[in-house]
């Protein structure tokens, strides 16, 4: 939920958000992500790379805190 809020994905539930990520990068559809699947998935999807990058950028956290 925190990653969603930081990155502006507040219009979907945490479950929907997780399902969206899994659908994009769980290549063998087993409902689990290996480290290799995660890394390859993030590298192949620019939007996920941006999402992960923003999540580690604390300036976005400060903006969320400042804006309530």
N, C-alpha and C. Protein backbone atom coordinates (compact mmCIF):
# COMPACT_ATOMS: atom_id res chain seq x y z
N UNK A 1 0.81 -1.19 0.00
CA UNK A 1 0.00 0.00 0.00
C UNK A 1 0.85 1.25 0.00
N UNK A 2 1.98 1.20 0.72
CA UNK A 2 2.87 2.36 0.76
C UNK A 2 3.44 2.64 -0.62
N UNK A 3 3.87 1.59 -1.32
CA UNK A 3 4.41 1.78 -2.67
C UNK A 3 3.34 2.36 -3.58
N UNK A 4 2.10 1.89 -3.44
CA UNK A 4 1.01 2.44 -4.24
C UNK A 4 0.84 3.92 -3.98
N UNK A 5 0.81 4.31 -2.71
CA UNK A 5 0.58 5.71 -2.36
C UNK A 5 1.71 6.59 -2.86
N UNK A 6 2.93 6.13 -2.70
CA UNK A 6 4.09 6.91 -3.14
C UNK A 6 4.06 7.13 -4.64
N UNK A 7 3.59 6.12 -5.37
CA UNK A 7 3.64 6.18 -6.83
C UNK A 7 2.32 6.55 -7.48
N UNK A 8 1.31 6.88 -6.71
CA UNK A 8 0.06 7.36 -7.26
C UNK A 8 -0.90 6.29 -7.74
N UNK A 9 -0.75 5.06 -7.27
CA UNK A 9 -1.68 3.99 -7.65
C UNK A 9 -2.73 3.78 -6.57
N UNK A 10 -3.38 4.84 -6.15
CA UNK A 10 -4.33 4.74 -5.04
C UNK A 10 -5.74 4.36 -5.50
N UNK A 11 -5.95 4.24 -6.80
CA UNK A 11 -7.28 3.92 -7.31
C UNK A 11 -7.54 2.42 -7.38
N UNK A 12 -6.62 1.58 -6.92
CA UNK A 12 -6.83 0.14 -6.90
C UNK A 12 -6.42 -0.42 -5.55
N UNK A 13 -6.99 -1.56 -5.20
CA UNK A 13 -6.66 -2.18 -3.93
C UNK A 13 -5.24 -2.75 -3.98
N UNK A 14 -4.69 -3.06 -2.82
CA UNK A 14 -3.36 -3.66 -2.76
C UNK A 14 -3.34 -4.99 -3.50
N UNK A 15 -4.44 -5.74 -3.42
CA UNK A 15 -4.53 -7.02 -4.13
C UNK A 15 -4.53 -6.83 -5.63
N UNK A 16 -5.28 -5.84 -6.11
CA UNK A 16 -5.32 -5.56 -7.55
C UNK A 16 -3.95 -5.10 -8.04
N UNK A 17 -3.28 -4.29 -7.24
CA UNK A 17 -1.96 -3.81 -7.59
C UNK A 17 -0.98 -4.98 -7.69
N UNK A 18 -1.01 -5.87 -6.70
CA UNK A 18 -0.13 -7.04 -6.70
C UNK A 18 -0.44 -7.93 -7.89
N UNK A 19 -1.72 -8.16 -8.18
CA UNK A 19 -2.10 -8.97 -9.34
C UNK A 19 -1.58 -8.38 -10.64
N UNK A 20 -1.64 -7.05 -10.76
CA UNK A 20 -1.13 -6.38 -11.95
C UNK A 20 0.36 -6.67 -12.14
N UNK A 21 1.12 -6.57 -11.05
CA UNK A 21 2.56 -6.82 -11.11
C UNK A 21 2.82 -8.27 -11.49
N UNK A 22 2.12 -9.20 -10.83
CA UNK A 22 2.34 -10.61 -11.11
C UNK A 22 2.01 -10.97 -12.55
N UNK A 23 0.92 -10.43 -13.08
CA UNK A 23 0.54 -10.72 -14.46
C UNK A 23 1.62 -10.28 -15.44
N UNK A 24 2.31 -9.22 -15.10
CA UNK A 24 3.35 -8.72 -15.99
C UNK A 24 4.64 -9.51 -15.93
N UNK A 25 4.99 -10.04 -14.74
CA UNK A 25 6.33 -10.61 -14.62
C UNK A 25 6.40 -12.06 -14.16
N UNK A 26 5.28 -12.70 -13.81
CA UNK A 26 5.29 -14.12 -13.44
C UNK A 26 5.17 -14.94 -14.72
N UNK A 27 6.29 -15.14 -15.41
CA UNK A 27 6.27 -15.72 -16.75
C UNK A 27 5.78 -17.17 -16.79
N UNK A 28 5.99 -17.93 -15.73
CA UNK A 28 5.52 -19.33 -15.75
C UNK A 28 4.16 -19.48 -15.06
N UNK A 29 3.56 -18.38 -14.65
CA UNK A 29 2.21 -18.34 -14.06
C UNK A 29 2.03 -19.31 -12.89
N UNK A 30 3.05 -19.43 -12.04
CA UNK A 30 2.92 -20.31 -10.88
C UNK A 30 2.52 -19.57 -9.61
N UNK A 31 2.27 -18.26 -9.72
CA UNK A 31 1.85 -17.48 -8.57
C UNK A 31 2.98 -17.10 -7.63
N UNK A 32 4.20 -17.38 -8.05
CA UNK A 32 5.37 -17.03 -7.25
C UNK A 32 6.39 -16.36 -8.15
N UNK A 33 7.17 -15.48 -7.56
CA UNK A 33 8.21 -14.81 -8.32
C UNK A 33 9.57 -15.24 -7.81
N UNK A 34 10.38 -15.76 -8.72
CA UNK A 34 11.77 -16.02 -8.38
C UNK A 34 12.52 -14.70 -8.53
N UNK A 35 13.69 -14.64 -7.98
CA UNK A 35 14.50 -13.43 -8.14
C UNK A 35 14.77 -13.17 -9.62
N UNK A 36 15.03 -14.24 -10.37
CA UNK A 36 15.29 -14.10 -11.81
C UNK A 36 14.06 -13.54 -12.54
N UNK A 37 12.86 -14.05 -12.23
CA UNK A 37 11.65 -13.52 -12.86
C UNK A 37 11.46 -12.06 -12.51
N UNK A 38 11.69 -11.71 -11.25
CA UNK A 38 11.52 -10.33 -10.82
C UNK A 38 12.46 -9.40 -11.57
N UNK A 39 13.74 -9.76 -11.59
CA UNK A 39 14.74 -8.91 -12.25
C UNK A 39 14.44 -8.80 -13.74
N UNK A 40 14.19 -9.92 -14.41
CA UNK A 40 13.88 -9.88 -15.84
C UNK A 40 12.60 -9.10 -16.11
N UNK A 41 11.60 -9.28 -15.28
CA UNK A 41 10.33 -8.58 -15.47
C UNK A 41 10.47 -7.09 -15.33
N UNK A 42 11.20 -6.66 -14.33
CA UNK A 42 11.40 -5.23 -14.11
C UNK A 42 12.23 -4.63 -15.25
N UNK A 43 13.23 -5.37 -15.71
CA UNK A 43 14.05 -4.87 -16.81
C UNK A 43 13.27 -4.76 -18.11
N UNK A 44 12.29 -5.63 -18.33
CA UNK A 44 11.52 -5.63 -19.58
C UNK A 44 10.38 -4.62 -19.58
N UNK A 45 9.93 -4.19 -18.42
CA UNK A 45 8.79 -3.29 -18.33
C UNK A 45 9.25 -1.96 -17.76
N UNK A 46 9.33 -0.97 -18.62
CA UNK A 46 9.82 0.35 -18.22
C UNK A 46 8.97 0.95 -17.10
N UNK A 47 7.66 0.72 -17.15
CA UNK A 47 6.79 1.28 -16.12
C UNK A 47 7.08 0.67 -14.75
N UNK A 48 7.42 -0.63 -14.71
CA UNK A 48 7.77 -1.25 -13.44
C UNK A 48 9.12 -0.75 -12.94
N UNK A 49 10.06 -0.55 -13.84
CA UNK A 49 11.35 -0.02 -13.45
C UNK A 49 11.18 1.37 -12.84
N UNK A 50 10.34 2.17 -13.44
CA UNK A 50 10.07 3.51 -12.91
C UNK A 50 9.42 3.43 -11.54
N UNK A 51 8.48 2.51 -11.40
CA UNK A 51 7.78 2.32 -10.13
C UNK A 51 8.75 1.93 -9.02
N UNK A 52 9.63 0.98 -9.31
CA UNK A 52 10.62 0.53 -8.33
C UNK A 52 11.59 1.67 -8.00
N UNK A 53 12.02 2.39 -9.02
CA UNK A 53 12.94 3.51 -8.81
C UNK A 53 12.32 4.57 -7.92
N UNK A 54 11.07 4.92 -8.19
CA UNK A 54 10.37 5.91 -7.37
C UNK A 54 10.23 5.44 -5.94
N UNK A 55 10.03 4.15 -5.76
CA UNK A 55 9.84 3.60 -4.42
C UNK A 55 11.08 3.76 -3.56
N UNK A 56 12.24 3.79 -4.18
CA UNK A 56 13.48 3.95 -3.43
C UNK A 56 13.96 5.40 -3.38
N UNK A 57 13.25 6.28 -4.04
CA UNK A 57 13.58 7.70 -4.05
C UNK A 57 12.81 8.36 -2.91
N UNK A 58 13.50 8.73 -1.86
CA UNK A 58 12.84 9.26 -0.68
C UNK A 58 12.22 10.63 -0.89
N UNK A 59 12.56 11.31 -1.97
CA UNK A 59 11.93 12.61 -2.21
C UNK A 59 10.43 12.45 -2.44
N UNK A 60 10.03 11.32 -3.06
CA UNK A 60 8.60 11.07 -3.25
C UNK A 60 7.90 10.84 -1.91
N UNK A 61 8.57 10.17 -1.00
CA UNK A 61 8.02 9.94 0.33
C UNK A 61 7.79 11.28 1.04
N UNK A 62 8.78 12.15 0.93
CA UNK A 62 8.65 13.48 1.57
C UNK A 62 7.49 14.27 0.98
N UNK A 63 7.29 14.19 -0.33
CA UNK A 63 6.16 14.88 -0.97
C UNK A 63 4.83 14.37 -0.45
N UNK A 64 4.71 13.05 -0.31
CA UNK A 64 3.47 12.44 0.19
C UNK A 64 3.23 12.90 1.63
N UNK A 65 4.26 12.91 2.44
CA UNK A 65 4.13 13.35 3.84
C UNK A 65 3.73 14.81 3.91
N UNK A 66 4.37 15.64 3.10
CA UNK A 66 4.08 17.07 3.12
C UNK A 66 2.66 17.37 2.65
N UNK A 67 2.17 16.59 1.69
CA UNK A 67 0.84 16.83 1.14
C UNK A 67 -0.26 16.12 1.92
N UNK A 68 0.11 15.41 2.95
CA UNK A 68 -0.87 14.75 3.81
C UNK A 68 -1.30 13.45 3.24
